[in-house]
Amino acid sequence: MHKRFDEFILMKHKEYSKLDFVVLSWLQQRIGLNNSIKDFHQTEAAEALGSNQSNISRSLNKLRKDGIITRDKYNKYSFNRKYIRFAFDDEGKKQAKARESEPRDGDENDQPSSASL
């Protein structure tokens, strides 16, 4: 699931940095029941990912702004169901496959190739 989910994100949001994808991948590894993300502190994520808390915060805010993850009033994160569902349906498969053959915009160093995801 993770590779296709990341391909969908690449397809929809070209402005993501490499760290944004690393944070997304780290969150995917923490997925629990009902698309919830196991509790974590931003400093924990920063240490695990070799970054700092402010960069992790920016990445989380970008993912929230784009509706990929949500945060409730108790600061619990979860994945938005429409993005999870899209990763499994036939339309998502078709769009991800078509996206793989398209040239990428921007600096290749800022965005991982779908092969590396």
Protein backbone atom coordinates (compact mmCIF):
# COMPACT_ATOMS: atom_id res chain seq x y z
CA MET A 1 0.00 0.00 0.00
CA HIS A 2 2.71 2.50 0.93
CA LYS A 3 4.29 2.76 -2.52
CA ARG A 4 0.95 3.40 -4.26
CA PHE A 5 -0.10 5.86 -1.56
CA ASP A 6 3.15 7.79 -2.03
CA GLU A 7 2.68 7.76 -5.82
CA PHE A 8 -0.74 9.31 -5.33
CA ILE A 9 0.75 12.02 -3.16
CA LEU A 10 3.46 12.69 -5.75
CA MET A 11 0.79 12.92 -8.41
CA LYS A 12 -1.32 15.43 -6.50
CA HIS A 13 1.28 17.55 -4.70
CA LYS A 14 4.45 18.34 -6.61
CA GLU A 15 5.54 20.97 -4.09
CA TYR A 16 6.46 18.40 -1.44
CA SER A 17 10.07 18.25 -0.32
CA LYS A 18 12.05 15.09 0.28
CA LEU A 19 11.57 15.52 4.04
CA ASP A 20 7.79 15.71 3.55
CA PHE A 21 7.90 12.28 1.92
CA VAL A 22 10.18 10.92 4.64
CA VAL A 23 7.72 12.18 7.30
CA LEU A 24 4.80 10.69 5.36
CA SER A 25 6.57 7.34 5.12
CA TRP A 26 7.40 7.44 8.85
CA LEU A 27 3.75 8.15 9.65
CA GLN A 28 2.62 5.28 7.42
CA GLN A 29 4.78 2.94 9.48
CA ARG A 30 2.83 4.07 12.55
CA ILE A 31 -0.66 3.50 11.14
CA GLY A 32 -3.09 1.76 13.44
CA LEU A 33 -6.78 0.95 13.54
CA ASN A 34 -9.20 3.25 11.72
CA ASN A 35 -6.33 5.01 9.92
CA SER A 36 -5.08 6.41 13.21
CA ILE A 37 -1.38 7.18 13.63
CA LYS A 38 0.22 5.92 16.83
CA ASP A 39 1.00 8.73 19.26
CA PHE A 40 4.30 10.52 18.84
CA HIS A 41 6.02 13.76 19.73
CA GLN A 42 7.50 15.94 16.99
CA THR A 43 10.87 15.80 18.75
CA GLU A 44 10.70 11.99 18.60
CA ALA A 45 10.02 12.15 14.85
CA ALA A 46 12.82 14.67 14.37
CA GLU A 47 15.32 12.47 16.19
CA ALA A 48 14.23 9.34 14.30
CA LEU A 49 14.43 11.13 10.95
CA GLY A 50 17.60 13.13 11.54
CA SER A 51 15.87 16.49 11.34
CA ASN A 52 14.67 19.12 13.80
CA GLN A 53 11.28 19.73 15.37
CA SER A 54 10.47 22.85 13.34
CA ASN A 55 11.01 21.03 10.03
CA ILE A 56 8.84 18.13 11.19
CA SER A 57 6.16 20.62 12.24
CA ARG A 58 6.23 22.26 8.79
CA SER A 59 5.88 18.88 7.08
CA LEU A 60 2.98 17.85 9.33
CA ASN A 61 1.24 21.18 8.72
CA LYS A 62 1.63 20.76 4.96
CA LEU A 63 0.15 17.25 5.14
CA ARG A 64 -2.72 18.58 7.26
CA LYS A 65 -3.33 21.59 5.01
CA ASP A 66 -3.62 19.30 2.00
CA GLY A 67 -5.99 16.98 3.86
CA ILE A 68 -3.74 13.95 3.83
CA ILE A 69 -3.70 13.70 7.61
CA THR A 70 -5.99 15.15 10.25
CA ARG A 71 -5.46 16.11 13.89
CA ASP A 72 -8.22 16.04 16.46
CA LYS A 73 -8.69 18.21 19.55
CA TYR A 74 -6.50 15.81 21.54
CA ASN A 75 -3.62 16.28 19.05
CA LYS A 76 -4.08 12.73 17.72
CA TYR A 77 -3.22 12.31 14.05
CA SER A 78 -4.88 10.03 11.51
CA PHE A 79 -4.88 9.56 7.75
CA ASN A 80 -7.77 10.99 5.78
CA ARG A 81 -9.94 8.10 4.55
CA LYS A 82 -10.29 9.43 1.01
CA TYR A 83 -6.52 9.22 0.46
CA ILE A 84 -6.31 5.71 1.91
CA ARG A 85 -9.28 4.57 -0.16
CA PHE A 86 -7.84 6.07 -3.34
CA ALA A 87 -4.63 4.09 -2.87
CA PHE A 88 -6.65 0.87 -3.24
CA ASP A 89 -9.16 1.62 -6.01
CA ASP A 90 -8.74 1.05 -9.77
CA GLU A 91 -8.72 4.76 -10.61
CA GLY A 92 -5.86 5.30 -8.18
CA LYS A 93 -3.92 2.47 -9.82
CA LYS A 94 -4.45 3.94 -13.30
CA GLN A 95 -3.43 7.47 -12.28
CA ALA A 96 -0.36 6.30 -10.37
CA LYS A 97 0.78 4.19 -13.34
CA ALA A 98 0.22 7.10 -15.78
CA ARG A 99 2.13 9.42 -13.44
CA GLU A 100 5.16 7.12 -13.44
CA SER A 101 5.68 7.68 -17.15
CA GLU A 102 5.43 11.49 -16.95
CA PRO A 103 8.55 13.66 -16.53
CA ARG A 104 8.74 15.35 -13.15
CA ASP A 105 8.78 19.11 -12.70
CA GLY A 106 11.36 20.84 -10.54
CA ASP A 107 14.61 19.75 -9.06
CA GLU A 108 15.01 15.98 -8.96
CA ASN A 109 16.94 16.28 -5.70
CA ASP A 110 13.90 17.74 -3.93
CA GLN A 111 11.53 14.94 -4.91
CA PRO A 112 12.24 11.23 -4.67
CA SER A 113 11.56 9.14 -7.73
CA SER A 114 8.68 6.72 -7.44
CA ALA A 115 11.24 3.90 -7.76
CA SER A 116 12.84 4.98 -4.46
CA LEU A 117 9.53 4.97 -2.60
